N, C-alpha and C. Protein backbone atom coordinates (compact mmCIF):
# COMPACT_ATOMS: atom_id res chain seq x y z
N MET A 1 0.82 -1.19 0.00
CA MET A 1 0.00 0.00 0.00
C MET A 1 0.86 1.26 0.00
N THR A 2 1.93 1.28 0.82
CA THR A 2 2.81 2.43 0.89
C THR A 2 3.53 2.65 -0.44
N LYS A 3 3.94 1.56 -1.08
CA LYS A 3 4.61 1.67 -2.37
C LYS A 3 3.67 2.25 -3.42
N ARG A 4 2.42 1.88 -3.36
CA ARG A 4 1.42 2.39 -4.30
C ARG A 4 1.21 3.89 -4.10
N ILE A 5 1.14 4.34 -2.85
CA ILE A 5 0.98 5.76 -2.55
C ILE A 5 2.21 6.54 -3.00
N LEU A 6 3.39 5.99 -2.78
CA LEU A 6 4.62 6.65 -3.21
C LEU A 6 4.66 6.78 -4.73
N THR A 7 4.29 5.73 -5.43
CA THR A 7 4.26 5.77 -6.90
C THR A 7 3.26 6.80 -7.39
N LEU A 8 2.08 6.83 -6.78
CA LEU A 8 1.07 7.81 -7.16
C LEU A 8 1.54 9.23 -6.87
N SER A 9 2.21 9.44 -5.75
CA SER A 9 2.72 10.76 -5.41
C SER A 9 3.78 11.22 -6.41
N ILE A 10 4.68 10.32 -6.79
CA ILE A 10 5.70 10.67 -7.78
C ILE A 10 5.06 10.99 -9.12
N LEU A 11 4.08 10.21 -9.52
CA LEU A 11 3.38 10.46 -10.78
C LEU A 11 2.68 11.81 -10.76
N MET A 12 1.97 12.12 -9.67
CA MET A 12 1.28 13.40 -9.59
C MET A 12 2.27 14.57 -9.54
N GLY A 13 3.39 14.39 -8.86
CA GLY A 13 4.41 15.43 -8.84
C GLY A 13 5.00 15.68 -10.22
N ALA A 14 5.22 14.61 -10.98
CA ALA A 14 5.74 14.76 -12.34
C ALA A 14 4.73 15.48 -13.22
N ILE A 15 3.46 15.12 -13.10
CA ILE A 15 2.42 15.81 -13.88
C ILE A 15 2.38 17.28 -13.51
N PHE A 16 2.47 17.59 -12.20
CA PHE A 16 2.46 18.98 -11.76
C PHE A 16 3.64 19.75 -12.34
N LEU A 17 4.84 19.16 -12.30
CA LEU A 17 6.01 19.86 -12.84
C LEU A 17 5.91 20.06 -14.35
N LEU A 18 5.32 19.10 -15.05
CA LEU A 18 5.16 19.24 -16.49
C LEU A 18 4.13 20.31 -16.85
N THR A 19 3.19 20.59 -15.95
CA THR A 19 2.19 21.62 -16.23
C THR A 19 2.65 23.00 -15.81
N MET A 20 3.80 23.11 -15.16
CA MET A 20 4.28 24.41 -14.68
C MET A 20 4.64 25.36 -15.83
N ALA A 21 5.38 24.88 -16.82
CA ALA A 21 5.84 25.75 -17.90
C ALA A 21 4.68 26.38 -18.68
N PRO A 22 3.66 25.63 -19.09
CA PRO A 22 2.55 26.29 -19.78
C PRO A 22 1.82 27.31 -18.92
N VAL A 23 1.73 27.05 -17.61
CA VAL A 23 1.06 28.00 -16.73
C VAL A 23 1.83 29.31 -16.68
N VAL A 24 3.14 29.22 -16.52
CA VAL A 24 3.96 30.44 -16.47
C VAL A 24 3.90 31.18 -17.79
N ASN A 25 3.98 30.47 -18.90
CA ASN A 25 3.90 31.13 -20.21
C ASN A 25 2.54 31.73 -20.46
N ALA A 26 1.47 31.09 -20.00
CA ALA A 26 0.12 31.63 -20.20
C ALA A 26 -0.10 32.87 -19.33
N ALA A 27 0.53 32.90 -18.17
CA ALA A 27 0.37 34.04 -17.28
C ALA A 27 1.09 35.28 -17.81
N PHE A 28 2.18 35.08 -18.53
CA PHE A 28 2.98 36.20 -19.01
C PHE A 28 3.29 36.06 -20.50
N PRO A 29 2.31 36.21 -21.37
CA PRO A 29 2.60 36.09 -22.79
C PRO A 29 3.41 37.29 -23.29
N GLY A 30 4.67 37.06 -23.55
CA GLY A 30 5.51 38.11 -24.12
C GLY A 30 6.08 39.10 -23.13
N GLU A 31 5.87 38.91 -21.84
CA GLU A 31 6.43 39.83 -20.87
C GLU A 31 6.99 39.05 -19.68
N PRO A 32 8.14 39.47 -19.14
CA PRO A 32 8.72 38.76 -18.00
C PRO A 32 8.02 39.16 -16.70
N ILE A 33 8.33 38.44 -15.63
CA ILE A 33 7.75 38.78 -14.32
C ILE A 33 8.22 40.16 -13.88
N VAL A 34 9.52 40.41 -14.00
CA VAL A 34 10.08 41.73 -13.67
C VAL A 34 10.21 42.52 -14.97
N PRO A 35 9.71 43.77 -15.03
CA PRO A 35 9.82 44.56 -16.26
C PRO A 35 11.25 44.65 -16.75
N ALA A 36 11.42 44.61 -18.08
CA ALA A 36 12.74 44.55 -18.69
C ALA A 36 13.61 45.75 -18.33
N GLY A 37 13.02 46.93 -18.18
CA GLY A 37 13.79 48.13 -17.87
C GLY A 37 14.48 48.07 -16.51
N CYS A 38 13.93 47.30 -15.61
CA CYS A 38 14.50 47.18 -14.26
C CYS A 38 15.64 46.18 -14.20
N LEU A 39 15.75 45.34 -15.20
CA LEU A 39 16.77 44.30 -15.18
C LEU A 39 18.10 44.75 -15.78
N LYS A 40 18.10 45.86 -16.52
CA LYS A 40 19.33 46.34 -17.16
C LYS A 40 20.25 46.96 -16.12
N GLU A 41 21.54 46.65 -16.25
CA GLU A 41 22.51 47.27 -15.35
C GLU A 41 22.68 48.73 -15.73
N GLY A 42 22.77 49.56 -14.72
CA GLY A 42 22.94 50.98 -14.95
C GLY A 42 21.67 51.66 -15.40
N ALA A 43 20.52 51.01 -15.21
CA ALA A 43 19.25 51.62 -15.60
C ALA A 43 18.97 52.81 -14.69
N PRO A 44 18.41 53.87 -15.25
CA PRO A 44 18.09 55.03 -14.41
C PRO A 44 17.09 54.66 -13.31
N ALA A 45 17.21 55.34 -12.19
CA ALA A 45 16.35 55.02 -11.04
C ALA A 45 14.88 55.28 -11.33
N ASP A 46 14.59 56.20 -12.25
CA ASP A 46 13.18 56.52 -12.53
C ASP A 46 12.49 55.43 -13.38
N GLN A 47 13.24 54.46 -13.92
CA GLN A 47 12.61 53.40 -14.70
C GLN A 47 12.03 52.30 -13.80
N CYS A 48 12.44 52.25 -12.57
CA CYS A 48 11.95 51.22 -11.64
C CYS A 48 11.31 51.89 -10.44
N GLY A 49 10.10 52.34 -10.63
CA GLY A 49 9.40 53.03 -9.56
C GLY A 49 8.25 52.20 -9.02
N LEU A 50 7.27 52.92 -8.50
CA LEU A 50 6.12 52.27 -7.89
C LEU A 50 5.32 51.46 -8.91
N LYS A 51 5.18 51.98 -10.12
CA LYS A 51 4.43 51.28 -11.16
C LYS A 51 5.04 49.92 -11.46
N GLU A 52 6.37 49.86 -11.56
CA GLU A 52 7.04 48.59 -11.84
C GLU A 52 6.90 47.62 -10.67
N MET A 53 6.92 48.15 -9.44
CA MET A 53 6.73 47.27 -8.29
C MET A 53 5.31 46.70 -8.28
N VAL A 54 4.33 47.51 -8.67
CA VAL A 54 2.95 47.01 -8.77
C VAL A 54 2.86 45.98 -9.89
N ASP A 55 3.55 46.22 -11.01
CA ASP A 55 3.57 45.25 -12.11
C ASP A 55 4.12 43.90 -11.64
N VAL A 56 5.20 43.94 -10.87
CA VAL A 56 5.79 42.69 -10.36
C VAL A 56 4.80 41.98 -9.43
N ALA A 57 4.16 42.73 -8.54
CA ALA A 57 3.19 42.13 -7.61
C ALA A 57 2.01 41.52 -8.37
N VAL A 58 1.53 42.21 -9.40
CA VAL A 58 0.41 41.69 -10.19
C VAL A 58 0.83 40.46 -10.97
N ASN A 59 2.03 40.48 -11.55
CA ASN A 59 2.51 39.31 -12.29
C ASN A 59 2.68 38.10 -11.37
N ILE A 60 3.19 38.33 -10.17
CA ILE A 60 3.33 37.22 -9.22
C ILE A 60 1.96 36.70 -8.80
N SER A 61 1.00 37.60 -8.61
CA SER A 61 -0.35 37.13 -8.24
C SER A 61 -0.98 36.33 -9.37
N LYS A 62 -0.73 36.70 -10.62
CA LYS A 62 -1.22 35.91 -11.76
C LYS A 62 -0.59 34.52 -11.75
N LEU A 63 0.70 34.48 -11.48
CA LEU A 63 1.40 33.20 -11.42
C LEU A 63 0.85 32.32 -10.31
N ILE A 64 0.64 32.91 -9.14
CA ILE A 64 0.11 32.15 -8.01
C ILE A 64 -1.29 31.63 -8.31
N LEU A 65 -2.14 32.47 -8.92
CA LEU A 65 -3.49 32.02 -9.27
C LEU A 65 -3.44 30.87 -10.27
N GLY A 66 -2.54 30.95 -11.24
CA GLY A 66 -2.41 29.86 -12.20
C GLY A 66 -1.94 28.58 -11.55
N LEU A 67 -0.98 28.69 -10.64
CA LEU A 67 -0.48 27.50 -9.95
C LEU A 67 -1.54 26.91 -9.03
N LEU A 68 -2.29 27.78 -8.36
CA LEU A 68 -3.32 27.27 -7.46
C LEU A 68 -4.43 26.57 -8.24
N GLY A 69 -4.71 27.03 -9.43
CA GLY A 69 -5.68 26.33 -10.27
C GLY A 69 -5.19 24.94 -10.63
N SER A 70 -3.90 24.82 -10.94
CA SER A 70 -3.33 23.50 -11.25
C SER A 70 -3.33 22.59 -10.04
N VAL A 71 -2.97 23.14 -8.88
CA VAL A 71 -2.95 22.34 -7.66
C VAL A 71 -4.36 21.88 -7.31
N THR A 72 -5.34 22.76 -7.47
CA THR A 72 -6.73 22.39 -7.19
C THR A 72 -7.18 21.27 -8.11
N LEU A 73 -6.82 21.35 -9.37
CA LEU A 73 -7.17 20.29 -10.31
C LEU A 73 -6.54 18.96 -9.87
N LEU A 74 -5.30 19.00 -9.45
CA LEU A 74 -4.65 17.77 -8.99
C LEU A 74 -5.34 17.19 -7.75
N PHE A 75 -5.79 18.06 -6.84
CA PHE A 75 -6.50 17.56 -5.67
C PHE A 75 -7.86 16.97 -6.05
N PHE A 76 -8.54 17.58 -7.01
CA PHE A 76 -9.80 17.00 -7.49
C PHE A 76 -9.55 15.61 -8.10
N ILE A 77 -8.50 15.50 -8.88
CA ILE A 77 -8.16 14.21 -9.49
C ILE A 77 -7.82 13.19 -8.41
N TYR A 78 -7.01 13.59 -7.43
CA TYR A 78 -6.62 12.68 -6.36
C TYR A 78 -7.85 12.23 -5.55
N GLY A 79 -8.70 13.19 -5.17
CA GLY A 79 -9.88 12.84 -4.40
C GLY A 79 -10.81 11.91 -5.16
N GLY A 80 -10.99 12.18 -6.45
CA GLY A 80 -11.81 11.30 -7.27
C GLY A 80 -11.19 9.92 -7.41
N PHE A 81 -9.87 9.86 -7.54
CA PHE A 81 -9.17 8.58 -7.65
C PHE A 81 -9.34 7.76 -6.37
N VAL A 82 -9.19 8.43 -5.22
CA VAL A 82 -9.36 7.72 -3.94
C VAL A 82 -10.78 7.20 -3.81
N TRP A 83 -11.75 8.02 -4.20
CA TRP A 83 -13.15 7.62 -4.08
C TRP A 83 -13.47 6.44 -5.02
N ILE A 84 -12.99 6.54 -6.25
CA ILE A 84 -13.29 5.49 -7.23
C ILE A 84 -12.63 4.17 -6.85
N THR A 85 -11.41 4.23 -6.32
CA THR A 85 -10.69 2.99 -5.98
C THR A 85 -11.00 2.51 -4.57
N ALA A 86 -12.00 3.07 -3.92
CA ALA A 86 -12.33 2.68 -2.55
C ALA A 86 -12.87 1.26 -2.48
N ALA A 87 -13.49 0.79 -3.53
CA ALA A 87 -14.04 -0.58 -3.59
C ALA A 87 -14.97 -0.88 -2.42
N GLY A 88 -15.81 0.09 -2.07
CA GLY A 88 -16.78 -0.12 -1.01
C GLY A 88 -16.27 0.16 0.39
N ASN A 89 -14.99 0.46 0.54
CA ASN A 89 -14.41 0.78 1.85
C ASN A 89 -14.89 2.17 2.26
N THR A 90 -15.74 2.24 3.29
CA THR A 90 -16.34 3.52 3.68
C THR A 90 -15.30 4.53 4.16
N GLN A 91 -14.20 4.04 4.77
CA GLN A 91 -13.16 4.95 5.24
C GLN A 91 -12.49 5.65 4.05
N ARG A 92 -12.20 4.90 3.00
CA ARG A 92 -11.58 5.49 1.79
C ARG A 92 -12.56 6.42 1.06
N ILE A 93 -13.84 6.06 1.06
CA ILE A 93 -14.84 6.92 0.43
C ILE A 93 -14.89 8.26 1.16
N GLU A 94 -14.90 8.22 2.49
CA GLU A 94 -14.92 9.46 3.28
C GLU A 94 -13.64 10.26 3.07
N GLN A 95 -12.50 9.57 2.94
CA GLN A 95 -11.24 10.27 2.68
C GLN A 95 -11.29 10.99 1.34
N GLY A 96 -11.82 10.32 0.31
CA GLY A 96 -11.96 10.94 -1.00
C GLY A 96 -12.89 12.13 -0.96
N LYS A 97 -14.00 12.00 -0.23
CA LYS A 97 -14.94 13.12 -0.11
C LYS A 97 -14.29 14.31 0.60
N LYS A 98 -13.49 14.03 1.65
CA LYS A 98 -12.82 15.12 2.37
C LYS A 98 -11.82 15.85 1.48
N VAL A 99 -11.11 15.09 0.65
CA VAL A 99 -10.16 15.73 -0.27
C VAL A 99 -10.90 16.60 -1.27
N LEU A 100 -12.00 16.10 -1.82
CA LEU A 100 -12.79 16.89 -2.79
C LEU A 100 -13.38 18.13 -2.13
N GLU A 101 -13.90 17.98 -0.92
CA GLU A 101 -14.46 19.15 -0.21
C GLU A 101 -13.37 20.17 0.10
N GLY A 102 -12.20 19.70 0.53
CA GLY A 102 -11.10 20.62 0.82
C GLY A 102 -10.64 21.37 -0.42
N ALA A 103 -10.58 20.67 -1.54
CA ALA A 103 -10.18 21.33 -2.80
C ALA A 103 -11.20 22.38 -3.20
N LEU A 104 -12.48 22.06 -3.04
CA LEU A 104 -13.53 23.02 -3.40
C LEU A 104 -13.51 24.23 -2.48
N VAL A 105 -13.35 24.02 -1.19
CA VAL A 105 -13.29 25.14 -0.25
C VAL A 105 -12.07 26.00 -0.54
N GLY A 106 -10.93 25.39 -0.82
CA GLY A 106 -9.73 26.15 -1.16
C GLY A 106 -9.91 26.98 -2.41
N LEU A 107 -10.53 26.40 -3.43
CA LEU A 107 -10.79 27.13 -4.67
C LEU A 107 -11.72 28.31 -4.42
N ILE A 108 -12.76 28.11 -3.62
CA ILE A 108 -13.69 29.19 -3.30
C ILE A 108 -12.97 30.31 -2.55
N ILE A 109 -12.11 29.97 -1.60
CA ILE A 109 -11.37 30.98 -0.84
C ILE A 109 -10.45 31.78 -1.76
N VAL A 110 -9.72 31.10 -2.63
CA VAL A 110 -8.79 31.80 -3.53
C VAL A 110 -9.54 32.72 -4.48
N LEU A 111 -10.60 32.23 -5.10
CA LEU A 111 -11.35 33.05 -6.06
C LEU A 111 -12.07 34.20 -5.38
N SER A 112 -12.61 33.97 -4.19
CA SER A 112 -13.29 35.07 -3.49
C SER A 112 -12.29 36.13 -3.03
N SER A 113 -11.09 35.73 -2.63
CA SER A 113 -10.09 36.73 -2.25
C SER A 113 -9.67 37.56 -3.46
N TRP A 114 -9.52 36.90 -4.62
CA TRP A 114 -9.20 37.65 -5.83
C TRP A 114 -10.33 38.61 -6.16
N LEU A 115 -11.58 38.16 -6.03
CA LEU A 115 -12.73 39.00 -6.34
C LEU A 115 -12.81 40.21 -5.41
N ILE A 116 -12.55 40.01 -4.13
CA ILE A 116 -12.56 41.12 -3.18
C ILE A 116 -11.49 42.15 -3.54
N ILE A 117 -10.29 41.68 -3.83
CA ILE A 117 -9.20 42.61 -4.20
C ILE A 117 -9.54 43.34 -5.49
N TYR A 118 -10.11 42.62 -6.47
CA TYR A 118 -10.47 43.26 -7.73
C TYR A 118 -11.51 44.35 -7.51
N PHE A 119 -12.56 44.07 -6.74
CA PHE A 119 -13.60 45.07 -6.53
C PHE A 119 -13.10 46.26 -5.72
N ILE A 120 -12.20 46.04 -4.77
CA ILE A 120 -11.64 47.16 -4.02
C ILE A 120 -10.82 48.05 -4.94
N THR A 121 -9.95 47.46 -5.76
CA THR A 121 -9.14 48.29 -6.67
C THR A 121 -10.02 48.95 -7.74
N ALA A 122 -11.06 48.26 -8.19
CA ALA A 122 -11.97 48.86 -9.18
C ALA A 122 -12.72 50.04 -8.56
N ALA A 123 -13.14 49.91 -7.30
CA ALA A 123 -13.85 50.99 -6.64
C ALA A 123 -12.93 52.19 -6.41
N LEU A 124 -11.67 51.92 -6.04
CA LEU A 124 -10.74 53.02 -5.78
C LEU A 124 -10.32 53.74 -7.05
N THR A 125 -10.32 53.05 -8.18
CA THR A 125 -9.90 53.68 -9.43
C THR A 125 -11.07 54.16 -10.28
N GLY A 126 -12.31 53.86 -9.86
CA GLY A 126 -13.47 54.30 -10.61
C GLY A 126 -13.72 53.52 -11.88
N THR A 127 -13.28 52.28 -11.94
CA THR A 127 -13.47 51.43 -13.10
C THR A 127 -14.92 50.95 -13.15
N PRO A 128 -15.57 51.00 -14.33
CA PRO A 128 -16.94 50.49 -14.42
C PRO A 128 -16.96 48.97 -14.24
N PRO A 129 -18.10 48.42 -13.81
CA PRO A 129 -18.18 46.96 -13.60
C PRO A 129 -17.84 46.17 -14.86
N GLY A 130 -16.99 45.16 -14.71
CA GLY A 130 -16.59 44.32 -15.83
C GLY A 130 -15.43 44.85 -16.63
N GLY A 131 -14.96 46.07 -16.34
CA GLY A 131 -13.84 46.64 -17.09
C GLY A 131 -12.51 46.28 -16.48
N HIS A 132 -11.44 46.63 -17.19
CA HIS A 132 -10.09 46.39 -16.70
C HIS A 132 -9.72 47.50 -15.73
N VAL A 133 -9.14 47.13 -14.61
CA VAL A 133 -8.67 48.12 -13.64
C VAL A 133 -7.40 48.75 -14.20
N LYS A 134 -7.42 50.06 -14.36
CA LYS A 134 -6.27 50.76 -14.93
C LYS A 134 -5.60 51.57 -13.83
N LEU A 135 -4.33 51.29 -13.63
CA LEU A 135 -3.55 52.00 -12.63
C LEU A 135 -2.43 52.78 -13.31
N PHE A 136 -2.04 53.87 -12.71
CA PHE A 136 -0.87 54.64 -13.13
C PHE A 136 -0.94 55.11 -14.57
N GLY A 137 -1.87 55.96 -14.87
CA GLY A 137 -1.90 56.63 -16.16
C GLY A 137 -2.32 55.76 -17.33
N GLY A 138 -3.27 54.90 -17.16
CA GLY A 138 -3.80 54.15 -18.29
C GLY A 138 -3.15 52.82 -18.57
N GLU A 139 -2.06 52.48 -17.86
CA GLU A 139 -1.46 51.15 -18.04
C GLU A 139 -2.41 50.12 -17.45
N GLU A 140 -2.30 48.88 -17.88
CA GLU A 140 -3.19 47.84 -17.39
C GLU A 140 -2.42 46.70 -16.72
N PRO A 141 -1.83 46.94 -15.53
CA PRO A 141 -1.12 45.83 -14.90
C PRO A 141 -2.05 44.86 -14.21
N PHE A 142 -3.30 45.25 -13.92
CA PHE A 142 -4.21 44.39 -13.16
C PHE A 142 -5.43 44.14 -14.05
N ARG A 143 -5.51 42.94 -14.62
CA ARG A 143 -6.60 42.64 -15.55
C ARG A 143 -7.34 41.39 -15.11
N ILE A 144 -8.56 41.26 -15.59
CA ILE A 144 -9.33 40.06 -15.31
C ILE A 144 -8.70 38.90 -16.05
N PRO A 145 -8.37 37.78 -15.37
CA PRO A 145 -7.82 36.62 -16.08
C PRO A 145 -8.86 36.07 -17.06
N GLN A 146 -8.39 35.70 -18.24
CA GLN A 146 -9.33 35.21 -19.27
C GLN A 146 -9.12 33.76 -19.54
């Protein structure tokens, strides 16, 4: 039984690592996490200000949301696998249900926290409902994930 769990854990870890690259590329199509102007040596101090720090924070939050979506999917798969392979064992069925419930609660918490932050920034910037939150002179570092 322990060998089976270890094999399953290694398999799920490999799947997770293989899904990391597309998530990072989808989160940042054509732009790095840190703005290019801040990475150059000898760059003027005015190129890396508050706007760039907000850009970095927003890019990291996009990355975290993408990773959490992948982790949630893996937990749904694991919980379903445990439930399906329970073979009538009520303890395993309950374990699978707990994993599925935990994944759902975690997903709800993450999405509701993103929604709260989005509505607060939209209210502070005067963005109409459903629009992109524009910070710092019309730039769009904080957008609705599509």
